[in-house]
C-alpha cells in the first residue's frame, strides 16, 4: 500500500501549466461556437477556422499557441486610414473649389461669347438697314431722273 502524505494535493486541483491553460481556453472558445465570418492574419495564412474569445479579443488558435492575434485592426492602422481620409476630403474640397472657379470662368467666357454674338447680329441688322435705305434712296433718285 502506498504511503499517503497529508501535504499532497489531489490530482484535480493541481495548477495547470500556461500551455494547458491556453489550450483549455482555446477549447472553451471553440465550444462556444463564436466562429468569425473573417479570420485573423494567422488563421487566414494557415487556412484555419477562426473562433474569437470576446473577453480577450483574440482567437482560439492564437491563444493556444500563444501567438500575436491580428483579429482587431491595430490603432496605428486606424490612425493611418483616418489621416488618409482627412487628406482625401481636403483634396476633394480643393478640387470642388477649383471646379467651381473653372465653371465660373467658363460662365464668364460664355457670357462674353453670347454678348459678342448679340453685338454681331445687331451690326448685321444695322448693315442690312443701311443697305435698304441706300437702295431706297437710289431707287428714288432713279425715279426722279426718269420721271
C-alpha atoms as a PDB file:
ATOM      1  CA  UNK A   1       0.000   0.000   0.000  1.00  0.00           C
ATOM      2  CA  UNK A   2       1.398   3.425  -0.959  1.00  0.00           C
ATOM      3  CA  UNK A   3       2.294   5.872   1.672  1.00  0.00           C
ATOM      4  CA  UNK A   4      -0.096   8.842   1.860  1.00  0.00           C
ATOM      5  CA  UNK A   5       1.365  12.101   2.989  1.00  0.00           C
ATOM      6  CA  UNK A   6      -1.069  14.750   4.180  1.00  0.00           C
ATOM      7  CA  UNK A   7       0.518  17.612   2.263  1.00  0.00           C
ATOM      8  CA  UNK A   8      -0.103  16.148  -1.190  1.00  0.00           C
ATOM      9  CA  UNK A   9      -2.715  17.880  -3.401  1.00  0.00           C
ATOM     10  CA  UNK A  10      -5.346  15.839  -5.182  1.00  0.00           C
ATOM     11  CA  UNK A  11      -4.717  15.472  -8.919  1.00  0.00           C
ATOM     12  CA  UNK A  12      -7.742  17.545  -9.986  1.00  0.00           C
ATOM     13  CA  UNK A  13      -6.629  20.644  -8.070  1.00  0.00           C
ATOM     14  CA  UNK A  14      -3.121  20.705  -9.485  1.00  0.00           C
ATOM     15  CA  UNK A  15      -2.161  24.051 -11.088  1.00  0.00           C
ATOM     16  CA  UNK A  16      -2.093  23.788 -14.858  1.00  0.00           C
ATOM     17  CA  UNK A  17       0.828  24.946 -16.930  1.00  0.00           C
ATOM     18  CA  UNK A  18       0.343  28.075 -19.006  1.00  0.00           C
ATOM     19  CA  UNK A  19       0.250  25.920 -22.154  1.00  0.00           C
ATOM     20  CA  UNK A  20      -2.521  23.797 -20.663  1.00  0.00           C
ATOM     21  CA  UNK A  21      -4.429  26.939 -19.656  1.00  0.00           C
ATOM     22  CA  UNK A  22      -4.145  28.309 -23.191  1.00  0.00           C
ATOM     23  CA  UNK A  23      -5.302  25.012 -24.695  1.00  0.00           C
ATOM     24  CA  UNK A  24      -8.254  24.872 -22.290  1.00  0.00           C
ATOM     25  CA  UNK A  25      -9.231  28.461 -23.025  1.00  0.00           C
ATOM     26  CA  UNK A  26      -8.928  27.819 -26.767  1.00  0.00           C
ATOM     27  CA  UNK A  27     -11.097  24.723 -26.402  1.00  0.00           C
ATOM     28  CA  UNK A  28     -13.748  26.700 -24.458  1.00  0.00           C
ATOM     29  CA  UNK A  29     -13.777  29.328 -27.211  1.00  0.00           C
ATOM     30  CA  UNK A  30     -14.202  26.638 -29.873  1.00  0.00           C
ATOM     31  CA  UNK A  31     -17.036  25.066 -27.903  1.00  0.00           C
ATOM     32  CA  UNK A  32     -18.856  28.399 -27.573  1.00  0.00           C
ATOM     33  CA  UNK A  33     -19.197  28.437 -31.341  1.00  0.00           C
ATOM     34  CA  UNK A  34     -18.269  32.079 -31.953  1.00  0.00           C
ATOM     35  CA  UNK A  35     -16.703  31.423 -35.338  1.00  0.00           C
ATOM     36  CA  UNK A  36     -15.802  34.640 -37.121  1.00  0.00           C
ATOM     37  CA  UNK A  37     -17.017  35.406 -40.629  1.00  0.00           C
ATOM     38  CA  UNK A  38     -13.484  36.668 -41.299  1.00  0.00           C
ATOM     39  CA  UNK A  39     -10.185  35.385 -39.964  1.00  0.00           C
ATOM     40  CA  UNK A  40      -7.186  36.877 -38.210  1.00  0.00           C
ATOM     41  CA  UNK A  41      -3.924  37.019 -40.150  1.00  0.00           C
ATOM     42  CA  UNK A  42      -2.522  33.804 -38.670  1.00  0.00           C
ATOM     43  CA  UNK A  43      -5.714  31.787 -39.284  1.00  0.00           C
ATOM     44  CA  UNK A  44      -6.004  33.214 -42.800  1.00  0.00           C
ATOM     45  CA  UNK A  45      -2.388  32.315 -43.569  1.00  0.00           C
ATOM     46  CA  UNK A  46      -2.759  28.764 -42.190  1.00  0.00           C
ATOM     47  CA  UNK A  47      -6.312  28.393 -43.588  1.00  0.00           C
ATOM     48  CA  UNK A  48      -7.794  27.697 -40.124  1.00  0.00           C
ATOM     49  CA  UNK A  49     -11.255  28.404 -38.781  1.00  0.00           C
ATOM     50  CA  UNK A  50     -11.109  31.446 -36.505  1.00  0.00           C
ATOM     51  CA  UNK A  51     -13.032  31.344 -33.195  1.00  0.00           C
ATOM     52  CA  UNK A  52     -12.992  34.536 -31.133  1.00  0.00           C
ATOM     53  CA  UNK A  53     -12.757  34.854 -27.367  1.00  0.00           C
ATOM     54  CA  UNK A  54     -14.797  38.002 -26.726  1.00  0.00           C
ATOM     55  CA  UNK A  55     -13.169  38.511 -23.326  1.00  0.00           C
ATOM     56  CA  UNK A  56      -9.623  38.708 -24.676  1.00  0.00           C
ATOM     57  CA  UNK A  57     -10.371  39.813 -28.238  1.00  0.00           C
ATOM     58  CA  UNK A  58      -8.147  37.044 -29.549  1.00  0.00           C
ATOM     59  CA  UNK A  59      -8.936  33.877 -31.454  1.00  0.00           C
ATOM     60  CA  UNK A  60      -8.642  30.361 -30.085  1.00  0.00           C
ATOM     61  CA  UNK A  61      -5.870  29.371 -32.491  1.00  0.00           C
ATOM     62  CA  UNK A  62      -3.642  32.262 -31.457  1.00  0.00           C
ATOM     63  CA  UNK A  63      -4.433  31.733 -27.760  1.00  0.00           C
ATOM     64  CA  UNK A  64      -3.483  28.047 -27.933  1.00  0.00           C
ATOM     65  CA  UNK A  65      -0.037  28.705 -29.434  1.00  0.00           C
ATOM     66  CA  UNK A  66       0.498  31.999 -27.589  1.00  0.00           C
ATOM     67  CA  UNK A  67       0.756  33.919 -30.874  1.00  0.00           C
ATOM     68  CA  UNK A  68       0.004  37.561 -31.619  1.00  0.00           C
ATOM     69  CA  UNK A  69      -3.579  37.795 -32.897  1.00  0.00           C
ATOM     70  CA  UNK A  70      -4.491  40.346 -35.537  1.00  0.00           C
ATOM     71  CA  UNK A  71      -8.235  39.914 -35.128  1.00  0.00           C
ATOM     72  CA  UNK A  72      -8.668  43.603 -34.361  1.00  0.00           C
ATOM     73  CA  UNK A  73      -7.106  46.232 -36.575  1.00  0.00           C
ATOM     74  CA  UNK A  74      -4.198  47.922 -34.755  1.00  0.00           C
ATOM     75  CA  UNK A  75      -4.661  51.537 -33.615  1.00  0.00           C
ATOM     76  CA  UNK A  76      -1.843  52.685 -35.926  1.00  0.00           C
ATOM     77  CA  UNK A  77      -3.733  51.323 -38.939  1.00  0.00           C
ATOM     78  CA  UNK A  78      -6.916  53.147 -37.847  1.00  0.00           C
ATOM     79  CA  UNK A  79      -4.953  56.389 -37.483  1.00  0.00           C
ATOM     80  CA  UNK A  80      -3.308  55.894 -40.881  1.00  0.00           C
ATOM     81  CA  UNK A  81      -6.670  55.338 -42.603  1.00  0.00           C
ATOM     82  CA  UNK A  82      -8.246  58.299 -40.800  1.00  0.00           C
ATOM     83  CA  UNK A  83      -5.350  60.540 -41.875  1.00  0.00           C
ATOM     84  CA  UNK A  84      -5.683  59.334 -45.472  1.00  0.00           C
ATOM     85  CA  UNK A  85      -9.430  60.028 -45.298  1.00  0.00           C
ATOM     86  CA  UNK A  86      -8.828  63.575 -43.991  1.00  0.00           C
ATOM     87  CA  UNK A  87      -6.297  64.201 -46.770  1.00  0.00           C
ATOM     88  CA  UNK A  88      -8.708  62.892 -49.430  1.00  0.00           C
ATOM     89  CA  UNK A  89     -11.540  65.059 -48.066  1.00  0.00           C
ATOM     90  CA  UNK A  90      -9.254  68.098 -48.231  1.00  0.00           C
ATOM     91  CA  UNK A  91      -8.145  67.149 -51.748  1.00  0.00           C
ATOM     92  CA  UNK A  92     -11.800  66.754 -52.771  1.00  0.00           C
ATOM     93  CA  UNK A  93     -12.710  70.154 -51.298  1.00  0.00           C
ATOM     94  CA  UNK A  94      -9.832  71.760 -53.214  1.00  0.00           C
ATOM     95  CA  UNK A  95     -10.903  70.037 -56.437  1.00  0.00           C
ATOM     96  CA  UNK A  96     -14.516  71.186 -55.939  1.00  0.00           C
ATOM     97  CA  UNK A  97     -13.310  74.738 -55.325  1.00  0.00           C
ATOM     98  CA  UNK A  98     -11.128  74.593 -58.436  1.00  0.00           C
ATOM     99  CA  UNK A  99     -14.036  73.218 -60.487  1.00  0.00           C
ATOM    100  CA  UNK A 100     -16.321  75.976 -59.184  1.00  0.00           C
ATOM    101  CA  UNK A 101     -13.755  78.616 -60.154  1.00  0.00           C
ATOM    102  CA  UNK A 102     -13.339  76.990 -63.559  1.00  0.00           C
ATOM    103  CA  UNK A 103     -17.121  76.841 -64.004  1.00  0.00           C
ATOM    104  CA  UNK A 104     -17.332  80.499 -63.035  1.00  0.00           C
ATOM    105  CA  UNK A 105     -14.598  81.296 -65.557  1.00  0.00           C
ATOM    106  CA  UNK A 106     -16.382  79.253 -68.238  1.00  0.00           C
ATOM    107  CA  UNK A 107     -19.662  81.022 -67.420  1.00  0.00           C
ATOM    108  CA  UNK A 108     -17.940  84.390 -67.834  1.00  0.00           C
ATOM    109  CA  UNK A 109     -16.446  83.252 -71.137  1.00  0.00           C
ATOM    110  CA  UNK A 110     -19.848  82.011 -72.347  1.00  0.00           C
ATOM    111  CA  UNK A 111     -21.395  85.340 -71.355  1.00  0.00           C
ATOM    112  CA  UNK A 112     -18.689  87.166 -73.314  1.00  0.00           C
ATOM    113  CA  UNK A 113     -19.321  84.934 -76.348  1.00  0.00           C
ATOM    114  CA  UNK A 114     -23.090  85.494 -76.120  1.00  0.00           C
ATOM    115  CA  UNK A 115     -22.615  89.274 -75.859  1.00  0.00           C
ATOM    116  CA  UNK A 116     -20.257  89.303 -78.845  1.00  0.00           C
ATOM    117  CA  UNK A 117     -22.710  87.214 -80.870  1.00  0.00           C
ATOM    118  CA  UNK A 118     -25.602  89.569 -79.995  1.00  0.00           C
ATOM    119  CA  UNK A 119     -23.491  92.617 -80.925  1.00  0.00           C
ATOM    120  CA  UNK A 120     -22.552  90.971 -84.245  1.00  0.00           C
ATOM    121  CA  UNK A 121     -26.228  90.284 -85.000  1.00  0.00           C
ATOM    122  CA  UNK A 122     -27.079  93.905 -84.151  1.00  0.00           C
ATOM    123  CA  UNK A 123     -24.332  95.112 -86.533  1.00  0.00           C
ATOM    124  CA  UNK A 124     -25.587  92.811 -89.292  1.00  0.00           C
ATOM    125  CA  UNK A 125     -29.091  94.184 -88.731  1.00  0.00           C
ATOM    126  CA  UNK A 126     -27.835  97.791 -88.943  1.00  0.00           C
ATOM    127  CA  UNK A 127     -25.850  96.900 -92.079  1.00  0.00           C
ATOM    128  CA  UNK A 128     -28.986  95.486 -93.738  1.00  0.00           C
ATOM    129  CA  UNK A 129     -30.954  98.545 -92.654  1.00  0.00           C
ATOM    130  CA  UNK A 130     -28.313 100.832 -94.211  1.00  0.00           C
ATOM    131  CA  UNK A 131     -28.363  98.791 -97.433  1.00  0.00           C
ATOM    132  CA  UNK A 132     -32.183  99.003 -97.633  1.00  0.00           C
ATOM    133  CA  UNK A 133     -32.056 102.751 -97.000  1.00  0.00           C
ATOM    134  CA  UNK A 134     -29.363 103.288 -99.659  1.00  0.00           C
ATOM    135  CA  UNK A 135     -31.333 101.168-102.138  1.00  0.00           C
ATOM    136  CA  UNK A 136     -34.460 103.195-101.373  1.00  0.00           C
ATOM    137  CA  UNK A 137     -32.552 106.470-101.936  1.00  0.00           C
ATOM    138  CA  UNK A 138     -31.062 105.164-105.200  1.00  0.00           C
ATOM    139  CA  UNK A 139     -34.485 103.992-106.360  1.00  0.00           C
ATOM    140  CA  UNK A 140     -35.978 107.400-105.541  1.00  0.00           C
ATOM    141  CA  UNK A 141     -33.154 109.129-107.468  1.00  0.00           C
ATOM    142  CA  UNK A 142     -33.684 106.803-110.449  1.00  0.00           C
ATOM    143  CA  UNK A 143     -37.427 107.506-110.386  1.00  0.00           C
ATOM    144  CA  UNK A 144     -36.900 111.258-110.200  1.00  0.00           C
ATOM    145  CA  UNK A 145     -34.473 111.273-113.172  1.00  0.00           C
ATOM    146  CA  UNK A 146     -36.668 109.186-115.373  1.00  0.00           C
ATOM    147  CA  UNK A 147     -39.770 110.963-114.407  1.00  0.00           C
END
